[in-house]
């Protein structure tokens, strides 16, 4: 099985960065006791998810693997490696 990409894409990095900023805002808001700022931080966290998904759908996310073989190709590769 091929190694997973684990989100090493522009879409993933952007979404996580925006969400991280939102968590920071919400964390500061809890220290300051500001309910409005807490909700604003949580809204930024959700915005990070939306932006990441939108960028992924726009083609900046993980691309389909080119290492996918049909059953016939897999059988041919197995036969070639068995005969070698």
Protein backbone atom coordinates (compact mmCIF):
# COMPACT_ATOMS: atom_id res chain seq x y z
CA UNK A 1 0.00 0.00 0.00
CA UNK A 2 1.29 3.46 -0.85
CA UNK A 3 2.16 5.89 1.90
CA UNK A 4 -0.61 8.34 2.76
CA UNK A 5 -0.06 12.02 2.02
CA UNK A 6 -1.37 13.09 5.45
CA UNK A 7 -2.37 16.51 4.19
CA UNK A 8 0.89 17.82 2.80
CA UNK A 9 -1.00 20.11 0.42
CA UNK A 10 -1.63 23.83 0.09
CA UNK A 11 -5.29 23.34 1.00
CA UNK A 12 -4.45 21.43 4.19
CA UNK A 13 -1.77 23.85 5.35
CA UNK A 14 -4.00 26.88 4.74
CA UNK A 15 -7.01 25.34 6.49
CA UNK A 16 -4.98 24.26 9.51
CA UNK A 17 -3.23 27.63 9.77
CA UNK A 18 -6.55 29.49 9.76
CA UNK A 19 -8.01 27.07 12.32
CA UNK A 20 -4.90 27.46 14.52
CA UNK A 21 -5.33 31.24 14.48
CA UNK A 22 -8.99 30.75 15.45
CA UNK A 23 -8.01 28.52 18.38
CA UNK A 24 -5.55 31.21 19.47
CA UNK A 25 -8.23 33.89 19.34
CA UNK A 26 -10.66 31.72 21.30
CA UNK A 27 -7.97 30.89 23.85
CA UNK A 28 -7.11 34.53 24.45
CA UNK A 29 -10.81 35.33 24.68
CA UNK A 30 -11.27 32.79 27.47
CA UNK A 31 -8.46 34.39 29.46
CA UNK A 32 -9.95 37.88 28.95
CA UNK A 33 -13.49 36.58 29.64
CA UNK A 34 -14.98 37.83 26.37
CA UNK A 35 -17.89 35.75 25.12
CA UNK A 36 -18.08 37.63 21.84
CA UNK A 37 -14.39 37.10 21.09
CA UNK A 38 -14.72 33.40 22.00
CA UNK A 39 -17.46 32.95 19.43
CA UNK A 40 -15.46 34.96 16.89
CA UNK A 41 -12.51 32.61 17.42
CA UNK A 42 -14.71 29.56 16.96
CA UNK A 43 -16.11 31.10 13.78
CA UNK A 44 -12.53 31.50 12.48
CA UNK A 45 -11.90 27.81 13.28
CA UNK A 46 -14.93 26.84 11.19
CA UNK A 47 -13.79 29.21 8.46
CA UNK A 48 -10.49 27.32 8.32
CA UNK A 49 -12.35 24.10 7.58
CA UNK A 50 -14.47 25.73 4.90
CA UNK A 51 -11.46 27.38 3.24
CA UNK A 52 -9.47 24.13 3.33
CA UNK A 53 -12.32 22.16 1.75
CA UNK A 54 -12.94 24.84 -0.89
CA UNK A 55 -9.25 24.91 -1.82
CA UNK A 56 -9.18 21.12 -1.99
CA UNK A 57 -12.18 21.12 -4.31
CA UNK A 58 -10.46 23.79 -6.43
CA UNK A 59 -7.59 21.42 -7.09
CA UNK A 60 -5.10 22.45 -4.42
CA UNK A 61 -5.65 19.33 -2.33
CA UNK A 62 -4.46 15.76 -2.69
CA UNK A 63 -4.45 14.60 -6.29
CA UNK A 64 -5.53 11.08 -7.30
CA UNK A 65 -2.76 8.50 -7.21
CA UNK A 66 -1.14 7.52 -10.49
CA UNK A 67 -0.10 4.17 -8.96
CA UNK A 68 -3.49 2.54 -9.41
CA UNK A 69 -3.42 -0.55 -11.61
CA UNK A 70 -6.25 -2.61 -13.08
CA UNK A 71 -6.49 -6.31 -12.22
CA UNK A 72 -4.93 -7.19 -15.58
CA UNK A 73 -1.99 -4.85 -15.01
CA UNK A 74 -1.47 -6.23 -11.50
CA UNK A 75 -1.50 -9.80 -12.86
CA UNK A 76 1.02 -8.85 -15.57
CA UNK A 77 3.31 -7.21 -12.99
CA UNK A 78 3.06 -10.25 -10.72
CA UNK A 79 3.84 -12.60 -13.60
CA UNK A 80 6.80 -10.47 -14.65
CA UNK A 81 8.24 -10.39 -11.15
CA UNK A 82 7.66 -14.14 -10.68
CA UNK A 83 9.53 -14.98 -13.89
CA UNK A 84 12.45 -12.73 -13.05
